[in-house]
C-alpha atoms as a PDB file:
ATOM      1  CA  MET A   1      -2.829   2.674  14.417  1.00  0.00           C
ATOM      2  CA  ARG A   2      -0.617   4.411  16.965  1.00  0.00           C
ATOM      3  CA  PRO A   3       2.767   2.819  16.181  1.00  0.00           C
ATOM      4  CA  ASP A   4       3.350   0.934  19.418  1.00  0.00           C
ATOM      5  CA  PRO A   5       5.128  -2.472  19.313  1.00  0.00           C
ATOM      6  CA  ARG A   6       1.931  -4.565  19.296  1.00  0.00           C
ATOM      7  CA  THR A   7       0.418  -2.540  16.459  1.00  0.00           C
ATOM      8  CA  ASN A   8       3.633  -2.704  14.426  1.00  0.00           C
ATOM      9  CA  ASN A   9       3.847  -6.452  14.943  1.00  0.00           C
ATOM     10  CA  ALA A  10       0.212  -6.999  13.927  1.00  0.00           C
ATOM     11  CA  PHE A  11       0.590  -4.842  10.808  1.00  0.00           C
ATOM     12  CA  ILE A  12       3.665  -6.743   9.587  1.00  0.00           C
ATOM     13  CA  TYR A  13       2.098 -10.105  10.454  1.00  0.00           C
ATOM     14  CA  CYS A  14      -1.173  -9.469   8.633  1.00  0.00           C
ATOM     15  CA  LEU A  15       0.570  -7.935   5.609  1.00  0.00           C
ATOM     16  CA  ALA A  16       3.010 -10.850   5.318  1.00  0.00           C
ATOM     17  CA  VAL A  17       0.275 -13.479   5.686  1.00  0.00           C
ATOM     18  CA  ALA A  18      -1.938 -11.770   3.086  1.00  0.00           C
ATOM     19  CA  ALA A  19       0.959 -11.345   0.630  1.00  0.00           C
ATOM     20  CA  ALA A  20       1.864 -15.030   0.892  1.00  0.00           C
ATOM     21  CA  ARG A  21      -1.763 -16.148   0.610  1.00  0.00           C
ATOM     22  CA  TYR A  22      -2.425 -14.217  -2.610  1.00  0.00           C
ATOM     23  CA  ASP A  23       1.057 -14.329  -4.230  1.00  0.00           C
ATOM     24  CA  VAL A  24       1.584 -10.578  -4.011  1.00  0.00           C
ATOM     25  CA  ASP A  25       5.088  -9.073  -3.928  1.00  0.00           C
ATOM     26  CA  VAL A  26       5.473  -6.165  -1.498  1.00  0.00           C
ATOM     27  CA  LEU A  27       7.796  -3.440  -2.821  1.00  0.00           C
ATOM     28  CA  PHE A  28       7.606  -1.009   0.109  1.00  0.00           C
ATOM     29  CA  THR A  29       5.364  -0.142   3.034  1.00  0.00           C
ATOM     30  CA  VAL A  30       4.920   2.579   5.653  1.00  0.00           C
ATOM     31  CA  ALA A  31       2.216   2.448   8.345  1.00  0.00           C
ATOM     32  CA  MET A  32       1.166   5.867   9.620  1.00  0.00           C
ATOM     33  CA  SER A  33      -1.104   6.554  12.606  1.00  0.00           C
ATOM     34  CA  ASN A  34      -4.340   6.341  10.588  1.00  0.00           C
ATOM     35  CA  HIS A  35      -3.428   4.991   7.135  1.00  0.00           C
ATOM     36  CA  HIS A  36      -0.711   3.132   5.287  1.00  0.00           C
ATOM     37  CA  HIS A  37       1.204   3.406   2.016  1.00  0.00           C
ATOM     38  CA  THR A  38       2.079   0.037   0.510  1.00  0.00           C
ATOM     39  CA  GLY A  39       3.477  -0.662  -2.945  1.00  0.00           C
ATOM     40  CA  ILE A  40       2.844  -4.102  -4.439  1.00  0.00           C
ATOM     41  CA  HIS A  41       3.430  -6.084  -7.616  1.00  0.00           C
ATOM     42  CA  ASP A  42       0.216  -7.975  -8.297  1.00  0.00           C
ATOM     43  CA  ARG A  43       1.549 -10.753 -10.510  1.00  0.00           C
ATOM     44  CA  LEU A  44      -1.642 -12.813 -10.713  1.00  0.00           C
ATOM     45  CA  GLY A  45      -4.373 -10.165 -10.537  1.00  0.00           C
ATOM     46  CA  ASN A  46      -5.306 -10.893  -6.914  1.00  0.00           C
ATOM     47  CA  TYR A  47      -5.030  -7.462  -5.340  1.00  0.00           C
ATOM     48  CA  PRO A  48      -8.763  -6.996  -4.505  1.00  0.00           C
ATOM     49  CA  GLU A  49      -8.772 -10.208  -2.452  1.00  0.00           C
ATOM     50  CA  PHE A  50      -5.335  -9.406  -1.018  1.00  0.00           C
ATOM     51  CA  LEU A  51      -6.492  -5.991   0.197  1.00  0.00           C
ATOM     52  CA  ALA A  52      -9.760  -7.324   1.584  1.00  0.00           C
ATOM     53  CA  TYR A  53      -7.996 -10.101   3.507  1.00  0.00           C
ATOM     54  CA  PHE A  54      -5.168  -7.903   4.816  1.00  0.00           C
ATOM     55  CA  HIS A  55      -7.453  -5.072   5.896  1.00  0.00           C
ATOM     56  CA  ARG A  56      -9.980  -7.417   7.492  1.00  0.00           C
ATOM     57  CA  LEU A  57      -7.332  -9.377   9.399  1.00  0.00           C
ATOM     58  CA  PHE A  58      -5.544  -6.285  10.687  1.00  0.00           C
ATOM     59  CA  ALA A  59      -8.825  -4.572  11.608  1.00  0.00           C
ATOM     60  CA  LYS A  60      -9.868  -7.545  13.744  1.00  0.00           C
ATOM     61  CA  CYS A  61      -6.471  -7.624  15.468  1.00  0.00           C
ATOM     62  CA  GLN A  62      -6.620  -3.916  16.265  1.00  0.00           C
ATOM     63  CA  ASN A  63     -10.227  -3.957  17.416  1.00  0.00           C
ATOM     64  CA  VAL A  64      -9.374  -6.715  19.875  1.00  0.00           C
ATOM     65  CA  LEU A  65      -6.230  -4.861  20.988  1.00  0.00           C
ATOM     66  CA  ARG A  66      -8.099  -1.572  21.553  1.00  0.00           C
ATOM     67  CA  GLY A  67     -11.291  -3.146  22.892  1.00  0.00           C
ATOM     68  CA  ARG A  68     -13.397  -1.816  20.012  1.00  0.00           C
ATOM     69  CA  TRP A  69     -16.153  -2.982  17.680  1.00  0.00           C
ATOM     70  CA  GLU A  70     -17.697  -1.607  14.487  1.00  0.00           C
ATOM     71  CA  ASN A  71     -15.690  -0.396  11.465  1.00  0.00           C
ATOM     72  CA  PHE A  72     -11.940   0.060  11.710  1.00  0.00           C
ATOM     73  CA  TRP A  73     -11.194   1.385   8.206  1.00  0.00           C
ATOM     74  CA  SER A  74     -13.008   4.068   6.262  1.00  0.00           C
ATOM     75  CA  SER A  75     -15.999   2.811   4.307  1.00  0.00           C
ATOM     76  CA  GLU A  76     -14.652   4.481   1.156  1.00  0.00           C
ATOM     77  CA  GLN A  77     -12.996   2.407  -1.539  1.00  0.00           C
ATOM     78  CA  THR A  78      -9.283   1.812  -0.981  1.00  0.00           C
ATOM     79  CA  SER A  79      -7.134   4.154  -3.059  1.00  0.00           C
ATOM     80  CA  VAL A  80      -5.185   2.035  -5.556  1.00  0.00           C
ATOM     81  CA  VAL A  81      -2.824   3.865  -7.934  1.00  0.00           C
ATOM     82  CA  ARG A  82      -1.108   2.172 -10.869  1.00  0.00           C
ATOM     83  CA  LEU A  83       2.591   3.048 -11.212  1.00  0.00           C
ATOM     84  CA  ASP A  84       3.457   3.017 -14.884  1.00  0.00           C
ATOM     85  CA  THR A  85       7.278   3.222 -14.878  1.00  0.00           C
ATOM     86  CA  MET A  86      10.227   2.483 -12.619  1.00  0.00           C
ATOM     87  CA  GLU A  87      10.631   6.231 -12.077  1.00  0.00           C
ATOM     88  CA  ASP A  88       7.068   6.310 -10.755  1.00  0.00           C
ATOM     89  CA  VAL A  89       7.822   3.418  -8.389  1.00  0.00           C
ATOM     90  CA  VAL A  90      10.880   5.266  -7.028  1.00  0.00           C
ATOM     91  CA  ALA A  91       8.876   8.488  -6.640  1.00  0.00           C
ATOM     92  CA  ARG A  92       6.055   6.751  -4.748  1.00  0.00           C
ATOM     93  CA  MET A  93       8.495   4.806  -2.611  1.00  0.00           C
ATOM     94  CA  THR A  94      10.198   8.071  -1.666  1.00  0.00           C
ATOM     95  CA  TYR A  95       6.816   9.700  -0.983  1.00  0.00           C
ATOM     96  CA  ALA A  96       5.808   6.838   1.312  1.00  0.00           C
ATOM     97  CA  LEU A  97       9.095   6.610   3.226  1.00  0.00           C
ATOM     98  CA  THR A  98       9.206  10.380   3.829  1.00  0.00           C
ATOM     99  CA  ASN A  99       5.533  10.705   4.791  1.00  0.00           C
ATOM    100  CA  PRO A 100       6.318  11.047   8.530  1.00  0.00           C
ATOM    101  CA  VAL A 101       8.780  13.862   7.707  1.00  0.00           C
ATOM    102  CA  LYS A 102       6.354  15.763   5.505  1.00  0.00           C
ATOM    103  CA  ASP A 103       3.614  15.426   8.125  1.00  0.00           C
ATOM    104  CA  GLY A 104       5.854  17.086  10.713  1.00  0.00           C
ATOM    105  CA  LEU A 105       6.110  14.004  12.920  1.00  0.00           C
ATOM    106  CA  VAL A 106       9.870  13.317  12.816  1.00  0.00           C
ATOM    107  CA  GLU A 107      12.947  15.068  11.414  1.00  0.00           C
ATOM    108  CA  ARG A 108      14.402  12.070   9.587  1.00  0.00           C
ATOM    109  CA  ALA A 109      12.601   9.246   7.839  1.00  0.00           C
ATOM    110  CA  HIS A 110      14.428   6.573   9.860  1.00  0.00           C
ATOM    111  CA  HIS A 111      13.214   8.180  13.119  1.00  0.00           C
ATOM    112  CA  TRP A 112       9.627   7.035  12.479  1.00  0.00           C
ATOM    113  CA  PRO A 113       8.658   4.498  15.203  1.00  0.00           C
ATOM    114  CA  GLY A 114       6.029   2.795  13.081  1.00  0.00           C
ATOM    115  CA  VAL A 115       6.356   0.121  10.408  1.00  0.00           C
ATOM    116  CA  SER A 116       8.624   1.230   7.562  1.00  0.00           C
ATOM    117  CA  SER A 117      10.487  -0.679   4.881  1.00  0.00           C
ATOM    118  CA  LEU A 118      13.324   1.873   5.015  1.00  0.00           C
ATOM    119  CA  PRO A 119      15.557  -0.464   7.101  1.00  0.00           C
ATOM    120  CA  CYS A 120      15.073  -3.099   4.401  1.00  0.00           C
ATOM    121  CA  LEU A 121      16.400  -0.624   1.858  1.00  0.00           C
ATOM    122  CA  LEU A 122      19.243   0.571   4.085  1.00  0.00           C
ATOM    123  CA  ASN A 123      20.466  -2.743   5.435  1.00  0.00           C
ATOM    124  CA  GLY A 124      18.773  -5.467   3.421  1.00  0.00           C
ATOM    125  CA  VAL A 125      16.912  -6.785   6.474  1.00  0.00           C
ATOM    126  CA  VAL A 126      13.508  -8.455   6.362  1.00  0.00           C
ATOM    127  CA  LEU A 127      10.483  -7.424   8.406  1.00  0.00           C
ATOM    128  CA  ALA A 128       9.539 -10.118  10.914  1.00  0.00           C
ATOM    129  CA  ALA A 129       6.539 -10.600  13.195  1.00  0.00           C
ATOM    130  CA  THR A 130       5.051 -13.146  15.549  1.00  0.00           C
ATOM    131  CA  ARG A 131       1.414 -14.229  15.669  1.00  0.00           C
ATOM    132  CA  PRO A 132      -0.583 -11.630  17.674  1.00  0.00           C
ATOM    133  CA  LEU A 133      -1.777 -13.415  20.810  1.00  0.00           C
ATOM    134  CA  ARG A 134      -4.842 -11.313  21.544  1.00  0.00           C
ATOM    135  CA  PHE A 135      -6.707 -12.395  18.417  1.00  0.00           C
ATOM    136  CA  PHE A 136      -5.286 -15.640  17.013  1.00  0.00           C
ATOM    137  CA  ARG A 137      -5.485 -18.976  18.835  1.00  0.00           C
ATOM    138  CA  GLU A 138      -2.215 -20.396  20.099  1.00  0.00           C
ATOM    139  CA  ASP A 139      -3.122 -23.802  18.619  1.00  0.00           C
ATOM    140  CA  GLY A 140      -4.686 -22.355  15.449  1.00  0.00           C
ATOM    141  CA  PRO A 141      -3.569 -22.814  11.831  1.00  0.00           C
ATOM    142  CA  MET A 142      -1.934 -19.397  11.461  1.00  0.00           C
ATOM    143  CA  PRO A 143       1.905 -19.408  11.394  1.00  0.00           C
ATOM    144  CA  ALA A 144       3.666 -18.609  14.647  1.00  0.00           C
ATOM    145  CA  ARG A 145       6.213 -16.376  12.917  1.00  0.00           C
ATOM    146  CA  VAL A 146       6.381 -14.705   9.511  1.00  0.00           C
ATOM    147  CA  THR A 147       8.905 -12.669   7.550  1.00  0.00           C
ATOM    148  CA  LEU A 148       8.329 -10.151   4.805  1.00  0.00           C
ATOM    149  CA  ARG A 149      11.089  -9.407   2.307  1.00  0.00           C
ATOM    150  CA  MET A 150      10.750  -6.358   0.097  1.00  0.00           C
ATOM    151  CA  GLN A 151      10.795  -7.406  -3.561  1.00  0.00           C
ATOM    152  CA  LEU A 152      12.212  -5.622  -6.569  1.00  0.00           C
ATOM    153  CA  PRO A 153       9.683  -4.579  -9.218  1.00  0.00           C
ATOM    154  CA  PRO A 154       9.771  -6.715 -12.377  1.00  0.00           C
ATOM    155  CA  GLY A 155      11.326  -5.699 -15.670  1.00  0.00           C
ATOM    156  CA  LEU A 156      14.464  -3.920 -14.475  1.00  0.00           C
ATOM    157  CA  PRO A 157      17.128  -5.021 -16.963  1.00  0.00           C
ATOM    158  CA  THR A 158      19.449  -2.111 -16.120  1.00  0.00           C
ATOM    159  CA  MET A 159      18.645  -1.538 -12.432  1.00  0.00           C
ATOM    160  CA  ASP A 160      19.446  -3.587  -9.351  1.00  0.00           C
ATOM    161  CA  LEU A 161      18.834  -3.027  -5.669  1.00  0.00           C
ATOM    162  CA  ALA A 162      21.934  -0.841  -5.331  1.00  0.00           C
ATOM    163  CA  ASP A 163      20.689   1.482  -8.102  1.00  0.00           C
ATOM    164  CA  ILE A 164      17.226   1.794  -6.539  1.00  0.00           C
ATOM    165  CA  ARG A 165      18.717   2.270  -3.086  1.00  0.00           C
ATOM    166  CA  GLU A 166      20.923   5.123  -4.322  1.00  0.00           C
ATOM    167  CA  LEU A 167      18.036   6.864  -6.077  1.00  0.00           C
ATOM    168  CA  VAL A 168      15.614   6.577  -3.164  1.00  0.00           C
ATOM    169  CA  LEU A 169      18.107   7.535  -0.454  1.00  0.00           C
ATOM    170  CA  ALA A 170      19.173  10.612  -2.418  1.00  0.00           C
ATOM    171  CA  ALA A 171      15.526  11.615  -2.857  1.00  0.00           C
ATOM    172  CA  ILE A 172      14.853  11.042   0.865  1.00  0.00           C
ATOM    173  CA  ALA A 173      17.832  13.240   1.808  1.00  0.00           C
ATOM    174  CA  ARG A 174      16.548  16.037  -0.454  1.00  0.00           C
ATOM    175  CA  THR A 175      13.079  15.820   1.089  1.00  0.00           C
ATOM    176  CA  GLU A 176      14.458  15.881   4.635  1.00  0.00           C
ATOM    177  CA  SER A 177      16.599  18.949   3.845  1.00  0.00           C
ATOM    178  CA  ASP A 178      13.715  20.717   2.132  1.00  0.00           C
ATOM    179  CA  PHE A 179      11.326  20.258   5.065  1.00  0.00           C
ATOM    180  CA  ALA A 180      14.042  21.144   7.594  1.00  0.00           C
ATOM    181  CA  ALA A 181      14.487  24.458   5.752  1.00  0.00           C
ATOM    182  CA  ARG A 182      10.721  25.049   5.770  1.00  0.00           C
ATOM    183  CA  ARG A 183      10.538  24.444   9.520  1.00  0.00           C
ATOM    184  CA  ALA A 184      13.498  26.767  10.133  1.00  0.00           C
ATOM    185  CA  ALA A 185      11.814  29.510   8.124  1.00  0.00           C
ATOM    186  CA  SER A 186       8.454  29.140   9.891  1.00  0.00           C
ATOM    187  CA  GLY A 187       9.705  28.305  13.367  1.00  0.00           C
ATOM    188  CA  ALA A 188       7.779  25.033  13.391  1.00  0.00           C
ATOM    189  CA  ARG A 189       8.995  21.928  15.214  1.00  0.00           C
ATOM    190  CA  VAL A 190       8.357  18.245  14.644  1.00  0.00           C
ATOM    191  CA  LEU A 191       6.182  16.298  17.042  1.00  0.00           C
ATOM    192  CA  GLY A 192       8.916  13.748  17.786  1.00  0.00           C
ATOM    193  CA  ARG A 193       8.945  10.014  18.490  1.00  0.00           C
ATOM    194  CA  ARG A 194       8.023  10.355  22.165  1.00  0.00           C
ATOM    195  CA  GLN A 195       4.928  12.446  21.475  1.00  0.00           C
ATOM    196  CA  VAL A 196       3.892  10.185  18.594  1.00  0.00           C
ATOM    197  CA  LEU A 197       3.939   7.177  20.917  1.00  0.00           C
ATOM    198  CA  ALA A 198       2.102   9.131  23.634  1.00  0.00           C
ATOM    199  CA  GLN A 199      -0.896   9.835  21.397  1.00  0.00           C
ATOM    200  CA  ASP A 200      -4.322   8.582  22.399  1.00  0.00           C
ATOM    201  CA  PRO A 201      -5.296   5.685  20.080  1.00  0.00           C
ATOM    202  CA  SER A 202      -8.850   7.063  20.136  1.00  0.00           C
ATOM    203  CA  GLY A 203      -7.777  10.566  19.102  1.00  0.00           C
ATOM    204  CA  ARG A 204      -8.517  12.093  15.726  1.00  0.00           C
ATOM    205  CA  PRO A 205      -6.891  14.790  13.586  1.00  0.00           C
ATOM    206  CA  PRO A 206      -8.009  18.362  14.392  1.00  0.00           C
ATOM    207  CA  THR A 207      -8.619  19.058  10.687  1.00  0.00           C
ATOM    208  CA  ASP A 208     -11.063  17.385   8.326  1.00  0.00           C
ATOM    209  CA  GLU A 209      -9.887  15.408   5.329  1.00  0.00           C
ATOM    210  CA  PRO A 210     -10.845  16.941   1.947  1.00  0.00           C
ATOM    211  CA  ARG A 211     -13.908  15.243   0.524  1.00  0.00           C
ATOM    212  CA  ARG A 212     -15.500  14.896  -2.920  1.00  0.00           C
ATOM    213  CA  THR A 213     -12.177  15.194  -4.718  1.00  0.00           C
ATOM    214  CA  LEU A 214     -11.097  13.150  -7.720  1.00  0.00           C
ATOM    215  CA  GLY A 215      -9.419   9.892  -6.748  1.00  0.00           C
ATOM    216  CA  GLN A 216      -6.087   9.202  -8.407  1.00  0.00           C
ATOM    217  CA  ARG A 217      -5.906   5.928 -10.309  1.00  0.00           C
ATOM    218  CA  LEU A 218      -2.622   6.378 -12.216  1.00  0.00           C
ATOM    219  CA  ALA A 219       0.802   7.891 -11.514  1.00  0.00           C
ATOM    220  CA  ALA A 220       3.139   8.537 -14.456  1.00  0.00           C
ATOM    221  CA  THR A 221       5.818  11.229 -14.575  1.00  0.00           C
ATOM    222  CA  ASN A 222       6.233  10.795 -18.326  1.00  0.00           C
ATOM    223  CA  THR A 223       3.425  12.666 -20.103  1.00  0.00           C
ATOM    224  CA  TRP A 224       3.236  10.318 -23.081  1.00  0.00           C
ATOM    225  CA  ARG A 225       3.277   7.199 -20.910  1.00  0.00           C
ATOM    226  CA  ARG A 226       0.462   8.724 -18.873  1.00  0.00           C
ATOM    227  CA  ILE A 227      -1.598   9.455 -21.993  1.00  0.00           C
ATOM    228  CA  GLU A 228      -0.986   5.928 -23.244  1.00  0.00           C
ATOM    229  CA  ALA A 229      -2.073   4.418 -19.926  1.00  0.00           C
ATOM    230  CA  LEU A 230      -5.204   6.573 -19.784  1.00  0.00           C
ATOM    231  CA  LEU A 231      -6.109   5.470 -23.312  1.00  0.00           C
ATOM    232  CA  ARG A 232      -5.647   1.817 -22.286  1.00  0.00           C
ATOM    233  CA  ASN A 233      -7.965   2.366 -19.337  1.00  0.00           C
ATOM    234  CA  ARG A 234     -10.568   3.984 -21.562  1.00  0.00           C
ATOM    235  CA  ALA A 235     -10.305   1.160 -24.101  1.00  0.00           C
ATOM    236  CA  PHE A 236     -10.862  -1.385 -21.331  1.00  0.00           C
ATOM    237  CA  ARG A 237     -13.919   0.439 -19.985  1.00  0.00           C
ATOM    238  CA  ASP A 238     -15.432   0.701 -23.475  1.00  0.00           C
ATOM    239  CA  ALA A 239     -14.776  -2.971 -24.258  1.00  0.00           C
ATOM    240  CA  TYR A 240     -16.180  -4.056 -20.887  1.00  0.00           C
ATOM    241  CA  ALA A 241     -19.319  -1.945 -21.357  1.00  0.00           C
ATOM    242  CA  GLN A 242     -19.929  -3.496 -24.785  1.00  0.00           C
ATOM    243  CA  ALA A 243     -19.369  -7.032 -23.496  1.00  0.00           C
ATOM    244  CA  ARG A 244     -21.632  -6.427 -20.500  1.00  0.00           C
ATOM    245  CA  ALA A 245     -24.444  -5.064 -22.686  1.00  0.00           C
ATOM    246  CA  ALA A 246     -24.199  -8.083 -24.980  1.00  0.00           C
ATOM    247  CA  PHE A 247     -24.064 -10.471 -22.008  1.00  0.00           C
ATOM    248  CA  LEU A 248     -27.182  -8.956 -20.413  1.00  0.00           C
ATOM    249  CA  SER A 249     -29.051  -9.115 -23.723  1.00  0.00           C
ATOM    250  CA  GLY A 250     -28.518 -12.877 -23.884  1.00  0.00           C
ATOM    251  CA  VAL A 251     -25.698 -13.099 -26.437  1.00  0.00           C
ATOM    252  CA  GLU A 252     -23.815 -16.370 -25.946  1.00  0.00           C
ATOM    253  CA  ASN A 253     -20.026 -16.768 -25.727  1.00  0.00           C
ATOM    254  CA  VAL A 254     -19.386 -13.133 -24.884  1.00  0.00           C
ATOM    255  CA  ILE A 255     -15.693 -12.604 -24.079  1.00  0.00           C
ATOM    256  CA  PHE A 256     -14.939  -9.931 -21.499  1.00  0.00           C
ATOM    257  CA  PRO A 257     -11.673  -8.019 -21.952  1.00  0.00           C
ATOM    258  CA  GLU A 258      -8.404  -8.764 -20.205  1.00  0.00           C
ATOM    259  CA  GLY A 259      -8.431  -7.149 -16.778  1.00  0.00           C
ATOM    260  CA  THR A 260     -11.970  -8.211 -15.880  1.00  0.00           C
ATOM    261  CA  TYR A 261     -11.813  -9.320 -12.259  1.00  0.00           C
ATOM    262  CA  TRP A 262     -15.065 -10.266 -10.532  1.00  0.00           C
ATOM    263  CA  LEU A 263     -16.617 -12.183 -13.434  1.00  0.00           C
ATOM    264  CA  ARG A 264     -13.347 -14.033 -14.048  1.00  0.00           C
ATOM    265  CA  ARG A 265     -13.080 -15.106 -10.409  1.00  0.00           C
ATOM    266  CA  PHE A 266     -16.691 -15.715  -9.386  1.00  0.00           C
ATOM    267  CA  SER A 267     -18.749 -16.551 -12.476  1.00  0.00           C
ATOM    268  CA  SER A 268     -18.688 -18.743 -15.549  1.00  0.00           C
ATOM    269  CA  ALA A 269     -18.351 -15.782 -17.922  1.00  0.00           C
ATOM    270  CA  ARG A 270     -15.571 -16.089 -20.504  1.00  0.00           C
ATOM    271  CA  CYS A 271     -12.699 -13.616 -20.188  1.00  0.00           C
ATOM    272  CA  ASP A 272      -9.677 -12.873 -22.321  1.00  0.00           C
ATOM    273  CA  PRO A 273      -6.743 -14.331 -20.333  1.00  0.00           C
ATOM    274  CA  GLY A 274      -4.258 -11.926 -21.924  1.00  0.00           C
ATOM    275  CA  PRO A 275      -0.646 -12.850 -22.684  1.00  0.00           C
ATOM    276  CA  ALA A 276       0.766 -15.952 -21.013  1.00  0.00           C
END
């Protein structure tokens, strides 16, 4: 995923097409050289299909671009973290937008040459892309041009875009200053845009990623909100286990709890639809 123009265009195109196809609102996104951070609001419970479609489409585009076959993404399950409050959304948005700074790639977040929703936050612009020519047919059904507008999270009665922008930009400035001070103390230097773009697309990091660690499923800065969310997750798992056991034993009219995905989408099992 070296952030050259064709890769950036393909990433935006595939993300925009997938978001429109599955009615997903994109809150923020940053594409790094070997992973991405994307925040979404999954209004209709479609995120598994959205992720599968987006990742599959982009993988095919990149494999054609790089002349590769086989797997593009890791075979591990995609890391999906629920953000419980607006503060958590702001914190994760800041984390994503400053990822190139913290990884020692650029000095300022807006210097990153890859896909980033930071310009959308700064200037209110939309991300735009054209249909990648190396993979899609010129006379095919895919749109010739797409745009992707960053959406505000729902349920913000006291916050608007200006409030979020002020919070995130202040947090980005603090992060940039903090890591600049760390580099000054250690004598380290950033890689820089030119060296980032000169990387070999077939290269790999010199260090191994930590394995067999616990995967994060929830982010909540407020302790009590976190406890409440964890209890909701546990209640769902318990209710699902009970419904599944009854279903497998032949009990009729079993109702699976709200939040059940696969059975709701691909079987005739009855599921609690939740609030309207």
